[in-house]
PDB file of N, CA and C in Angstrom:
ATOM      1  N   UNK A   1      97.313  87.501  59.804  1.00  0.00           N
ATOM      2  CA  UNK A   1      97.160  86.773  58.744  1.00  0.00           C
ATOM      3  C   UNK A   1      97.035  87.881  57.708  1.00  0.00           C
ATOM      4  N   UNK A   2      96.963  89.366  57.619  1.00  0.00           N
ATOM      5  CA  UNK A   2      97.227  90.142  56.390  1.00  0.00           C
ATOM      6  C   UNK A   2      98.580  89.637  55.411  1.00  0.00           C
ATOM      7  N   UNK A   3      99.523  89.023  55.974  1.00  0.00           N
ATOM      8  CA  UNK A   3     100.291  88.420  55.485  1.00  0.00           C
ATOM      9  C   UNK A   3     100.161  87.243  53.965  1.00  0.00           C
ATOM     10  N   UNK A   4      99.404  86.550  54.898  1.00  0.00           N
ATOM     11  CA  UNK A   4      98.622  85.393  54.282  1.00  0.00           C
ATOM     12  C   UNK A   4      97.635  85.887  53.403  1.00  0.00           C
ATOM     13  N   UNK A   5      96.833  86.914  53.448  1.00  0.00           N
ATOM     14  CA  UNK A   5      95.767  87.628  52.608  1.00  0.00           C
ATOM     15  C   UNK A   5      96.913  88.339  51.630  1.00  0.00           C
ATOM     16  N   UNK A   6      97.740  88.583  51.306  1.00  0.00           N
ATOM     17  CA  UNK A   6      99.073  89.064  50.625  1.00  0.00           C
ATOM     18  C   UNK A   6      98.780  88.003  49.574  1.00  0.00           C
ATOM     19  N   UNK A   7      99.363  87.072  50.249  1.00  0.00           N
ATOM     20  CA  UNK A   7     100.189  86.175  49.547  1.00  0.00           C
ATOM     21  C   UNK A   7      99.294  85.214  48.747  1.00  0.00           C
ATOM     22  N   UNK A   8      97.568  85.121  49.017  1.00  0.00           N
ATOM     23  CA  UNK A   8      96.958  84.249  48.152  1.00  0.00           C
ATOM     24  C   UNK A   8      96.319  84.985  47.552  1.00  0.00           C
ATOM     25  N   UNK A   9      96.291  86.376  47.653  1.00  0.00           N
ATOM     26  CA  UNK A   9      95.550  87.501  46.517  1.00  0.00           C
ATOM     27  C   UNK A   9      96.452  87.617  45.553  1.00  0.00           C
ATOM     28  N   UNK A  10      97.356  87.051  44.908  1.00  0.00           N
ATOM     29  CA  UNK A  10      98.319  87.343  43.319  1.00  0.00           C
ATOM     30  C   UNK A  10      97.695  87.008  42.540  1.00  0.00           C
ATOM     31  N   UNK A  11      98.041  87.050  41.779  1.00  0.00           N
ATOM     32  CA  UNK A  11      97.468  86.611  40.271  1.00  0.00           C
ATOM     33  C   UNK A  11      97.936  84.952  39.752  1.00  0.00           C
ATOM     34  N   UNK A  12      98.690  85.332  40.315  1.00  0.00           N
ATOM     35  CA  UNK A  12      99.637  83.726  39.882  1.00  0.00           C
ATOM     36  C   UNK A  12      98.802  82.530  40.852  1.00  0.00           C
ATOM     37  N   UNK A  13      98.925  81.440  40.260  1.00  0.00           N
ATOM     38  CA  UNK A  13      98.498  80.301  41.262  1.00  0.00           C
ATOM     39  C   UNK A  13      99.889  79.950  41.852  1.00  0.00           C
ATOM     40  N   UNK A  14      99.196  79.608  43.564  1.00  0.00           N
ATOM     41  CA  UNK A  14     100.204  79.366  44.509  1.00  0.00           C
ATOM     42  C   UNK A  14      99.717  78.052  45.058  1.00  0.00           C
ATOM     43  N   UNK A  15     100.479  77.182  45.036  1.00  0.00           N
ATOM     44  CA  UNK A  15     100.468  76.053  45.935  1.00  0.00           C
ATOM     45  C   UNK A  15     100.969  76.482  47.400  1.00  0.00           C
ATOM     46  N   UNK A  16     100.129  75.915  48.322  1.00  0.00           N
ATOM     47  CA  UNK A  16     100.051  75.388  49.643  1.00  0.00           C
ATOM     48  C   UNK A  16     100.671  74.170  50.324  1.00  0.00           C
ATOM     49  N   UNK A  17     101.393  74.239  50.758  1.00  0.00           N
ATOM     50  CA  UNK A  17     101.354  72.530  51.225  1.00  0.00           C
ATOM     51  C   UNK A  17     101.706  72.537  52.901  1.00  0.00           C
ATOM     52  N   UNK A  18     101.036  72.440  53.746  1.00  0.00           N
ATOM     53  CA  UNK A  18     100.628  72.486  55.025  1.00  0.00           C
ATOM     54  C   UNK A  18     101.116  70.954  55.870  1.00  0.00           C
ATOM     55  N   UNK A  19     102.714  71.259  56.417  1.00  0.00           N
ATOM     56  CA  UNK A  19     102.936  69.920  57.158  1.00  0.00           C
ATOM     57  C   UNK A  19     103.303  69.940  58.216  1.00  0.00           C
ATOM     58  N   UNK A  20     104.047  69.131  58.594  1.00  0.00           N
ATOM     59  CA  UNK A  20     104.677  69.196  60.545  1.00  0.00           C
ATOM     60  C   UNK A  20     106.105  69.097  60.335  1.00  0.00           C
ATOM     61  N   UNK A  21     106.812  69.554  60.954  1.00  0.00           N
ATOM     62  CA  UNK A  21     108.751  69.668  60.732  1.00  0.00           C
ATOM     63  C   UNK A  21     109.137  68.600  61.578  1.00  0.00           C
ATOM     64  N   UNK A  22     108.026  68.209  62.256  1.00  0.00           N
ATOM     65  CA  UNK A  22     108.501  67.136  63.668  1.00  0.00           C
ATOM     66  C   UNK A  22     108.562  65.555  62.380  1.00  0.00           C
ATOM     67  N   UNK A  23     109.431  65.107  61.908  1.00  0.00           N
ATOM     68  CA  UNK A  23     109.337  63.955  61.071  1.00  0.00           C
ATOM     69  C   UNK A  23     109.179  62.571  62.180  1.00  0.00           C
ATOM     70  N   UNK A  24     108.976  61.856  61.887  1.00  0.00           N
ATOM     71  CA  UNK A  24     108.939  60.000  61.942  1.00  0.00           C
ATOM     72  C   UNK A  24     109.047  59.375  60.741  1.00  0.00           C
ATOM     73  N   UNK A  25     108.903  58.315  61.014  1.00  0.00           N
ATOM     74  CA  UNK A  25     109.746  57.555  59.688  1.00  0.00           C
ATOM     75  C   UNK A  25     108.075  57.239  58.982  1.00  0.00           C
ATOM     76  N   UNK A  26     106.974  57.279  59.252  1.00  0.00           N
ATOM     77  CA  UNK A  26     105.611  57.392  58.813  1.00  0.00           C
ATOM     78  C   UNK A  26     105.653  58.592  57.570  1.00  0.00           C
ATOM     79  N   UNK A  27     106.090  59.678  58.444  1.00  0.00           N
ATOM     80  CA  UNK A  27     105.906  60.826  57.384  1.00  0.00           C
ATOM     81  C   UNK A  27     106.258  60.882  56.212  1.00  0.00           C
ATOM     82  N   UNK A  28     105.832  61.334  55.367  1.00  0.00           N
ATOM     83  CA  UNK A  28     106.381  62.001  53.875  1.00  0.00           C
ATOM     84  C   UNK A  28     107.179  62.801  53.548  1.00  0.00           C
ATOM     85  N   UNK A  29     107.966  62.689  52.860  1.00  0.00           N
ATOM     86  CA  UNK A  29     109.018  63.934  52.645  1.00  0.00           C
ATOM     87  C   UNK A  29     108.776  64.967  51.376  1.00  0.00           C
ATOM     88  N   UNK A  30     108.333  65.791  51.768  1.00  0.00           N
ATOM     89  CA  UNK A  30     107.448  66.772  50.058  1.00  0.00           C
ATOM     90  C   UNK A  30     108.497  67.292  50.004  1.00  0.00           C
ATOM     91  N   UNK A  31     109.391  67.353  50.084  1.00  0.00           N
ATOM     92  CA  UNK A  31     110.479  68.582  49.681  1.00  0.00           C
ATOM     93  C   UNK A  31     110.700  68.187  48.325  1.00  0.00           C
ATOM     94  N   UNK A  32     111.084  66.890  47.681  1.00  0.00           N
ATOM     95  CA  UNK A  32     111.585  66.612  46.522  1.00  0.00           C
ATOM     96  C   UNK A  32     110.633  66.742  45.232  1.00  0.00           C
ATOM     97  N   UNK A  33     109.176  66.252  45.953  1.00  0.00           N
ATOM     98  CA  UNK A  33     107.776  67.066  45.391  1.00  0.00           C
ATOM     99  C   UNK A  33     107.581  68.274  44.941  1.00  0.00           C
ATOM    100  N   UNK A  34     107.569  69.461  46.337  1.00  0.00           N
ATOM    101  CA  UNK A  34     107.626  70.276  46.353  1.00  0.00           C
ATOM    102  C   UNK A  34     108.611  71.116  45.397  1.00  0.00           C
ATOM    103  N   UNK A  35     109.753  70.431  45.210  1.00  0.00           N
ATOM    104  CA  UNK A  35     111.149  71.416  44.262  1.00  0.00           C
ATOM    105  C   UNK A  35     110.765  70.941  42.731  1.00  0.00           C
ATOM    106  N   UNK A  36     110.362  69.637  42.346  1.00  0.00           N
ATOM    107  CA  UNK A  36     109.943  69.617  41.228  1.00  0.00           C
ATOM    108  C   UNK A  36     108.870  70.196  40.812  1.00  0.00           C
ATOM    109  N   UNK A  37     107.710  70.669  41.625  1.00  0.00           N
ATOM    110  CA  UNK A  37     106.817  71.484  41.073  1.00  0.00           C
ATOM    111  C   UNK A  37     107.200  72.849  40.501  1.00  0.00           C
ATOM    112  N   UNK A  38     108.264  73.731  41.648  1.00  0.00           N
ATOM    113  CA  UNK A  38     108.607  74.780  41.785  1.00  0.00           C
ATOM    114  C   UNK A  38     109.594  74.482  40.503  1.00  0.00           C
ATOM    115  N   UNK A  39     109.988  74.272  40.062  1.00  0.00           N
ATOM    116  CA  UNK A  39     110.844  73.912  38.921  1.00  0.00           C
ATOM    117  C   UNK A  39     110.595  74.128  37.659  1.00  0.00           C
ATOM    118  N   UNK A  40     109.324  73.440  37.742  1.00  0.00           N
ATOM    119  CA  UNK A  40     108.705  72.888  36.345  1.00  0.00           C
ATOM    120  C   UNK A  40     107.652  74.281  36.243  1.00  0.00           C
ATOM    121  N   UNK A  41     107.245  74.449  36.838  1.00  0.00           N
ATOM    122  CA  UNK A  41     106.350  76.125  37.371  1.00  0.00           C
ATOM    123  C   UNK A  41     107.329  77.419  36.648  1.00  0.00           C
ATOM    124  N   UNK A  42     108.397  77.124  37.442  1.00  0.00           N
ATOM    125  CA  UNK A  42     109.221  78.562  37.325  1.00  0.00           C
ATOM    126  C   UNK A  42     108.801  79.941  37.888  1.00  0.00           C
ATOM    127  N   UNK A  43     108.748  81.010  37.541  1.00  0.00           N
ATOM    128  CA  UNK A  43     107.606  82.290  38.314  1.00  0.00           C
ATOM    129  C   UNK A  43     106.526  82.484  37.377  1.00  0.00           C
ATOM    130  N   UNK A  44     106.315  81.384  37.017  1.00  0.00           N
ATOM    131  CA  UNK A  44     104.383  81.695  36.908  1.00  0.00           C
ATOM    132  C   UNK A  44     103.387  81.295  37.620  1.00  0.00           C
ATOM    133  N   UNK A  45     104.260  80.848  38.974  1.00  0.00           N
ATOM    134  CA  UNK A  45     103.342  80.333  40.205  1.00  0.00           C
ATOM    135  C   UNK A  45     104.407  80.479  41.340  1.00  0.00           C
ATOM    136  N   UNK A  46     103.602  79.939  42.281  1.00  0.00           N
ATOM    137  CA  UNK A  46     104.293  79.674  43.700  1.00  0.00           C
ATOM    138  C   UNK A  46     104.333  78.708  44.656  1.00  0.00           C
ATOM    139  N   UNK A  47     105.370  78.186  45.156  1.00  0.00           N
ATOM    140  CA  UNK A  47     105.033  76.878  45.783  1.00  0.00           C
ATOM    141  C   UNK A  47     105.589  77.491  47.506  1.00  0.00           C
ATOM    142  N   UNK A  48     104.688  77.106  48.727  1.00  0.00           N
ATOM    143  CA  UNK A  48     104.613  77.473  49.652  1.00  0.00           C
ATOM    144  C   UNK A  48     104.671  77.098  50.909  1.00  0.00           C
ATOM    145  N   UNK A  49     105.906  76.307  51.466  1.00  0.00           N
ATOM    146  CA  UNK A  49     105.482  75.267  52.641  1.00  0.00           C
ATOM    147  C   UNK A  49     104.841  75.910  54.107  1.00  0.00           C
ATOM    148  N   UNK A  50     103.738  75.230  54.697  1.00  0.00           N
ATOM    149  CA  UNK A  50     103.884  75.799  55.853  1.00  0.00           C
ATOM    150  C   UNK A  50     103.704  75.048  57.155  1.00  0.00           C
ATOM    151  N   UNK A  51     104.678  75.198  58.266  1.00  0.00           N
ATOM    152  CA  UNK A  51     104.651  74.517  59.204  1.00  0.00           C
ATOM    153  C   UNK A  51     103.467  74.668  60.298  1.00  0.00           C
ATOM    154  N   UNK A  52     102.691  74.006  60.206  1.00  0.00           N
ATOM    155  CA  UNK A  52     101.395  73.552  61.088  1.00  0.00           C
ATOM    156  C   UNK A  52     101.177  74.512  62.695  1.00  0.00           C
ATOM    157  N   UNK A  53     102.679  74.144  63.156  1.00  0.00           N
ATOM    158  CA  UNK A  53     103.090  74.145  64.247  1.00  0.00           C
ATOM    159  C   UNK A  53     103.346  75.587  64.765  1.00  0.00           C
ATOM    160  N   UNK A  54     104.077  76.425  63.943  1.00  0.00           N
ATOM    161  CA  UNK A  54     104.971  77.533  63.835  1.00  0.00           C
ATOM    162  C   UNK A  54     103.642  78.449  62.810  1.00  0.00           C
ATOM    163  N   UNK A  55     102.278  77.926  62.478  1.00  0.00           N
ATOM    164  CA  UNK A  55     101.166  78.571  61.941  1.00  0.00           C
ATOM    165  C   UNK A  55      99.628  78.395  62.149  1.00  0.00           C
ATOM    166  N   UNK A  56     100.051  78.145  63.767  1.00  0.00           N
ATOM    167  CA  UNK A  56      98.456  77.616  64.176  1.00  0.00           C
ATOM    168  C   UNK A  56      97.204  78.275  63.655  1.00  0.00           C
ATOM    169  N   UNK A  57      97.305  79.690  63.771  1.00  0.00           N
ATOM    170  CA  UNK A  57      96.281  80.345  63.634  1.00  0.00           C
ATOM    171  C   UNK A  57      95.737  79.769  62.114  1.00  0.00           C
ATOM    172  N   UNK A  58      96.699  80.294  60.970  1.00  0.00           N
ATOM    173  CA  UNK A  58      96.001  80.007  59.840  1.00  0.00           C
ATOM    174  C   UNK A  58      95.697  78.600  59.533  1.00  0.00           C
ATOM    175  N   UNK A  59      96.554  77.375  60.422  1.00  0.00           N
ATOM    176  CA  UNK A  59      95.998  76.250  60.086  1.00  0.00           C
ATOM    177  C   UNK A  59      94.767  75.489  60.875  1.00  0.00           C
ATOM    178  N   UNK A  60      94.189  76.453  61.869  1.00  0.00           N
ATOM    179  CA  UNK A  60      92.879  76.203  62.625  1.00  0.00           C
ATOM    180  C   UNK A  60      92.235  76.869  61.893  1.00  0.00           C
ATOM    181  N   UNK A  61      92.484  78.354  61.137  1.00  0.00           N
ATOM    182  CA  UNK A  61      91.422  78.897  59.891  1.00  0.00           C
ATOM    183  C   UNK A  61      90.690  77.888  58.884  1.00  0.00           C
ATOM    184  N   UNK A  62      91.691  77.314  58.280  1.00  0.00           N
ATOM    185  CA  UNK A  62      91.837  76.487  57.445  1.00  0.00           C
ATOM    186  C   UNK A  62      91.550  75.070  57.368  1.00  0.00           C
ATOM    187  N   UNK A  63      90.806  74.881  58.724  1.00  0.00           N
ATOM    188  CA  UNK A  63      90.925  73.510  59.315  1.00  0.00           C
ATOM    189  C   UNK A  63      91.462  72.097  58.476  1.00  0.00           C
ATOM    190  N   UNK A  64      92.989  72.346  58.898  1.00  0.00           N
ATOM    191  CA  UNK A  64      93.907  71.387  58.346  1.00  0.00           C
ATOM    192  C   UNK A  64      93.643  70.543  59.580  1.00  0.00           C
ATOM    193  N   UNK A  65      93.505  69.355  59.037  1.00  0.00           N
ATOM    194  CA  UNK A  65      93.326  68.300  60.391  1.00  0.00           C
ATOM    195  C   UNK A  65      94.234  67.161  59.827  1.00  0.00           C
ATOM    196  N   UNK A  66      94.399  67.042  58.687  1.00  0.00           N
ATOM    197  CA  UNK A  66      95.492  65.635  58.186  1.00  0.00           C
ATOM    198  C   UNK A  66      96.532  66.212  57.426  1.00  0.00           C
ATOM    199  N   UNK A  67      97.657  65.560  57.547  1.00  0.00           N
ATOM    200  CA  UNK A  67      98.862  66.313  57.033  1.00  0.00           C
ATOM    201  C   UNK A  67      99.509  64.822  56.049  1.00  0.00           C
ATOM    202  N   UNK A  68     100.104  65.247  54.924  1.00  0.00           N
ATOM    203  CA  UNK A  68     100.674  67.193  54.779  1.00  0.00           C
ATOM    204  C   UNK A  68      98.878  67.136  53.819  1.00  0.00           C
ATOM    205  N   UNK A  69      98.585  68.678  53.815  1.00  0.00           N
ATOM    206  CA  UNK A  69      97.424  69.066  53.075  1.00  0.00           C
ATOM    207  C   UNK A  69      97.686  70.165  51.798  1.00  0.00           C
ATOM    208  N   UNK A  70      97.250  69.703  50.637  1.00  0.00           N
ATOM    209  CA  UNK A  70      98.014  70.632  49.823  1.00  0.00           C
ATOM    210  C   UNK A  70      96.682  71.701  49.290  1.00  0.00           C
ATOM    211  N   UNK A  71      96.754  73.127  49.004  1.00  0.00           N
ATOM    212  CA  UNK A  71      95.692  73.995  48.228  1.00  0.00           C
ATOM    213  C   UNK A  71      96.320  74.508  47.161  1.00  0.00           C
ATOM    214  N   UNK A  72      95.519  74.779  46.487  1.00  0.00           N
ATOM    215  CA  UNK A  72      95.763  75.838  45.304  1.00  0.00           C
ATOM    216  C   UNK A  72      95.043  77.067  45.657  1.00  0.00           C
ATOM    217  N   UNK A  73      95.716  78.326  45.282  1.00  0.00           N
ATOM    218  CA  UNK A  73      94.740  79.652  45.437  1.00  0.00           C
ATOM    219  C   UNK A  73      95.376  80.490  43.927  1.00  0.00           C
ATOM    220  N   UNK A  74      94.219  80.591  43.501  1.00  0.00           N
ATOM    221  CA  UNK A  74      94.799  81.850  42.790  1.00  0.00           C
ATOM    222  C   UNK A  74      93.742  83.043  42.901  1.00  0.00           C
ATOM    223  N   UNK A  75      94.125  84.361  42.691  1.00  0.00           N
ATOM    224  CA  UNK A  75      93.657  85.677  43.055  1.00  0.00           C
ATOM    225  C   UNK A  75      93.049  85.816  44.217  1.00  0.00           C
ATOM    226  N   UNK A  76      93.297  85.007  45.286  1.00  0.00           N
ATOM    227  CA  UNK A  76      92.496  85.084  46.670  1.00  0.00           C
ATOM    228  C   UNK A  76      91.575  83.696  46.656  1.00  0.00           C
ATOM    229  N   UNK A  77      91.212  82.877  45.957  1.00  0.00           N
ATOM    230  CA  UNK A  77      90.367  81.961  46.206  1.00  0.00           C
ATOM    231  C   UNK A  77      90.864  80.864  45.932  1.00  0.00           C
ATOM    232  N   UNK A  78      90.449  80.015  47.037  1.00  0.00           N
ATOM    233  CA  UNK A  78      90.909  78.332  46.884  1.00  0.00           C
ATOM    234  C   UNK A  78      90.484  77.538  45.860  1.00  0.00           C
ATOM    235  N   UNK A  79      91.170  76.822  44.841  1.00  0.00           N
ATOM    236  CA  UNK A  79      90.477  76.203  43.533  1.00  0.00           C
ATOM    237  C   UNK A  79      90.602  74.669  44.143  1.00  0.00           C
ATOM    238  N   UNK A  80      91.456  74.604  44.626  1.00  0.00           N
ATOM    239  CA  UNK A  80      91.873  72.734  44.772  1.00  0.00           C
ATOM    240  C   UNK A  80      92.283  72.699  46.391  1.00  0.00           C
ATOM    241  N   UNK A  81      92.046  71.608  46.864  1.00  0.00           N
ATOM    242  CA  UNK A  81      92.414  71.206  48.237  1.00  0.00           C
ATOM    243  C   UNK A  81      92.544  69.433  47.947  1.00  0.00           C
ATOM    244  N   UNK A  82      93.693  69.418  48.624  1.00  0.00           N
ATOM    245  CA  UNK A  82      93.373  67.760  48.551  1.00  0.00           C
ATOM    246  C   UNK A  82      94.348  67.459  50.151  1.00  0.00           C
ATOM    247  N   UNK A  83      94.044  66.627  50.621  1.00  0.00           N
ATOM    248  CA  UNK A  83      94.932  65.896  51.704  1.00  0.00           C
ATOM    249  C   UNK A  83      95.847  64.545  51.290  1.00  0.00           C
ATOM    250  N   UNK A  84      96.624  64.365  52.339  1.00  0.00           N
ATOM    251  CA  UNK A  84      97.647  63.089  51.683  1.00  0.00           C
ATOM    252  C   UNK A  84      98.415  63.298  50.719  1.00  0.00           C
ATOM    253  N   UNK A  85      99.480  62.701  50.335  1.00  0.00           N
ATOM    254  CA  UNK A  85     100.543  62.684  49.214  1.00  0.00           C
ATOM    255  C   UNK A  85     100.232  62.385  48.102  1.00  0.00           C
ATOM    256  N   UNK A  86     100.838  63.700  47.582  1.00  0.00           N
ATOM    257  CA  UNK A  86     100.580  64.063  46.128  1.00  0.00           C
ATOM    258  C   UNK A  86     101.571  63.829  45.019  1.00  0.00           C
ATOM    259  N   UNK A  87     101.817  63.157  44.004  1.00  0.00           N
ATOM    260  CA  UNK A  87     102.972  63.230  43.040  1.00  0.00           C
ATOM    261  C   UNK A  87     103.198  64.639  42.630  1.00  0.00           C
ATOM    262  N   UNK A  88     104.739  64.683  41.757  1.00  0.00           N
ATOM    263  CA  UNK A  88     104.933  66.045  41.352  1.00  0.00           C
ATOM    264  C   UNK A  88     103.978  66.045  39.848  1.00  0.00           C
ATOM    265  N   UNK A  89     104.201  65.006  39.034  1.00  0.00           N
ATOM    266  CA  UNK A  89     103.554  65.251  37.559  1.00  0.00           C
ATOM    267  C   UNK A  89     102.076  65.449  38.082  1.00  0.00           C
ATOM    268  N   UNK A  90     100.857  65.442  39.247  1.00  0.00           N
ATOM    269  CA  UNK A  90      99.636  65.849  39.339  1.00  0.00           C
ATOM    270  C   UNK A  90      99.673  66.902  39.938  1.00  0.00           C
ATOM    271  N   UNK A  91     100.682  67.206  40.623  1.00  0.00           N
ATOM    272  CA  UNK A  91     100.758  68.753  41.015  1.00  0.00           C
ATOM    273  C   UNK A  91     100.824  69.631  40.060  1.00  0.00           C
ATOM    274  N   UNK A  92     101.919  69.604  39.224  1.00  0.00           N
ATOM    275  CA  UNK A  92     102.177  70.159  38.192  1.00  0.00           C
ATOM    276  C   UNK A  92     101.120  70.494  36.733  1.00  0.00           C
ATOM    277  N   UNK A  93     100.535  69.100  36.954  1.00  0.00           N
ATOM    278  CA  UNK A  93      99.487  69.826  36.078  1.00  0.00           C
ATOM    279  C   UNK A  93      98.235  70.450  36.109  1.00  0.00           C
ATOM    280  N   UNK A  94      97.967  70.471  38.104  1.00  0.00           N
ATOM    281  CA  UNK A  94      97.070  71.507  38.599  1.00  0.00           C
ATOM    282  C   UNK A  94      97.293  72.518  38.534  1.00  0.00           C
ATOM    283  N   UNK A  95      98.667  72.712  38.716  1.00  0.00           N
ATOM    284  CA  UNK A  95      99.139  74.272  38.942  1.00  0.00           C
ATOM    285  C   UNK A  95      98.859  74.698  37.212  1.00  0.00           C
ATOM    286  N   UNK A  96      99.428  73.614  36.181  1.00  0.00           N
ATOM    287  CA  UNK A  96      99.488  74.261  35.039  1.00  0.00           C
ATOM    288  C   UNK A  96      97.824  74.865  34.818  1.00  0.00           C
ATOM    289  N   UNK A  97      97.351  74.111  35.087  1.00  0.00           N
ATOM    290  CA  UNK A  97      95.518  74.716  34.992  1.00  0.00           C
ATOM    291  C   UNK A  97      94.945  75.845  34.753  1.00  0.00           C
ATOM    292  N   UNK A  98      96.202  76.308  35.872  1.00  0.00           N
ATOM    293  CA  UNK A  98      95.484  77.520  36.740  1.00  0.00           C
ATOM    294  C   UNK A  98      96.780  78.996  36.324  1.00  0.00           C
ATOM    295  N   UNK A  99      97.117  78.637  35.520  1.00  0.00           N
ATOM    296  CA  UNK A  99      98.560  79.619  34.499  1.00  0.00           C
ATOM    297  C   UNK A  99      97.834  80.242  33.748  1.00  0.00           C
ATOM    298  N   UNK A 100      97.829  81.927  34.082  1.00  0.00           N
ATOM    299  CA  UNK A 100      97.173  82.745  32.648  1.00  0.00           C
ATOM    300  C   UNK A 100      97.921  82.424  31.515  1.00  0.00           C
TER     301      UNK A 100
END
């Protein structure tokens, strides 16, 4: 969890996307959306995907119940959280709100 603490304590905004790697036909593919967000933000922010099965301690600590769950952290503080599908433009707008 110390690496997670280091990750969220950076001064740039960080978008975390909690997902499950095992897909079925009802799952939404977040990869294109997250790539668009990362491209739009560039080096002013960061996008990180977290597989809940491989990171169950973090997922449990953050009470991830619905997938996908998206969070934005800035300087160690969660500033936004939403469960469910989001479009790239919404996420880009949210990330830009927290740019220095």
